[in-house]
Amino acid sequence: MIHLGHALTGLTPPVKALFVYNTNPLSVNPDASSVRRGLAREDLFTVVHEQVMTPTARYADLLLPATTFLENRDIYTAYGHFYLGVVDPVIAPVGEARSNFDLFQGLARKMGFTDPPFMQSCNERIADYLENMQGLPEGCSIEKILAGRLVHSANSRRDGRVLEGAGRKFQFAVEAASPAVPGLTSAGEFADPDLLSRFPFRLIIPPHADLLNSTFGERYPGRLGEVLVHPDDAATWGVADGEKVLLRNHRGSSARIARVTADTRPGVLVAEGIFWQAGEEGGGINDLTSQKLADMGGGATFHESLVTFAGKTAGKSGLAL
């Protein structure tokens, strides 16, 4: 997923078909400008299964309506708690909307696949999943979960144990592990003197309180979002509070509204949230981020980007802030 831009623009032979579901890569993927170039290819057939008209959906050759969580049965866990449960729909699917489960089963049957997962009902698939868990709590059965009982999902260990080892404490560093926990190292782009000379600001992209990644972006059409700029940097670069600025680097550009504040440090720009901007000036904030993988864990490096203010030169001052 992190390398989607490269997959769509840099492979030989090229990817010719893309099926997008449960995501909005043109907004959330790093190096989104390369994703945009890939989606714009005339020889790429793109299918998007979606609930709303996202920036990605606008590039679809075939757009299929998807159900929301209110319209289909599913089994859920979460980041914020440790419980698992089956949730029933509260309304029938609207119009021609179909769930992921129904859509993929239908496609599989049309293509001639007869494997059990493609022939089972939703309840049968959920029951299979539950049967493969490490064990259910005493007094709990699959039938009770299907009927709505919530279950603690820490592998559903009967003994209630989650942490093991000495003292049942989490060990941040283990001497036997190789390598040990590393010391603080300089992030890749920040250590490149050539990039620093051209793009002197470090950009970080924390979540916005009104958004969940790019979810709910349809509520703010055309909104650019803000970028926090330290007063010292604003004075040096001639950036006024409330001014529309264009952030730029060697990957792309993105427009934001400057908010001059001491809530950030000199040299650090903070752009909260992933808004669905699709204006004439630049793209989304992830047009500026890199497809580089983190050295530990292999995740994305969303907060390791260098940028500058397009059309501005250090040394200007005197604007009212």
Foldseek 3Di string as FASTA:
>chain_A
DQCLLCQLPPDVVHAQEEEAEPDQCCQQHFLSVSVVVSLPDPRHAYEYAEQDCAPSNVSHPHYAYAFDPQAAWDWDDDPVAQKIAIDHHPDHGPDRHDHPQVVVLVVCVVVPDDPVSSVDDPLVVVQVVVVPQPDAEPPDDSVVRVVIDMGRPLSRDNVPQNADDDVSDDDQFDPPDPPTDDDDDDDDQVPDVVQCVVFVAFEAEAADPCDDQAPPLVVPPQAQFEKEAEPVQCFQFVNDQQDWWWKDGPQWIGIHGYHYDPPDDHRYIYTYHRHRHDDPRIGTPSSFADSDADPPPRHGDRRGGTIHTPPTDGRHGDDDD
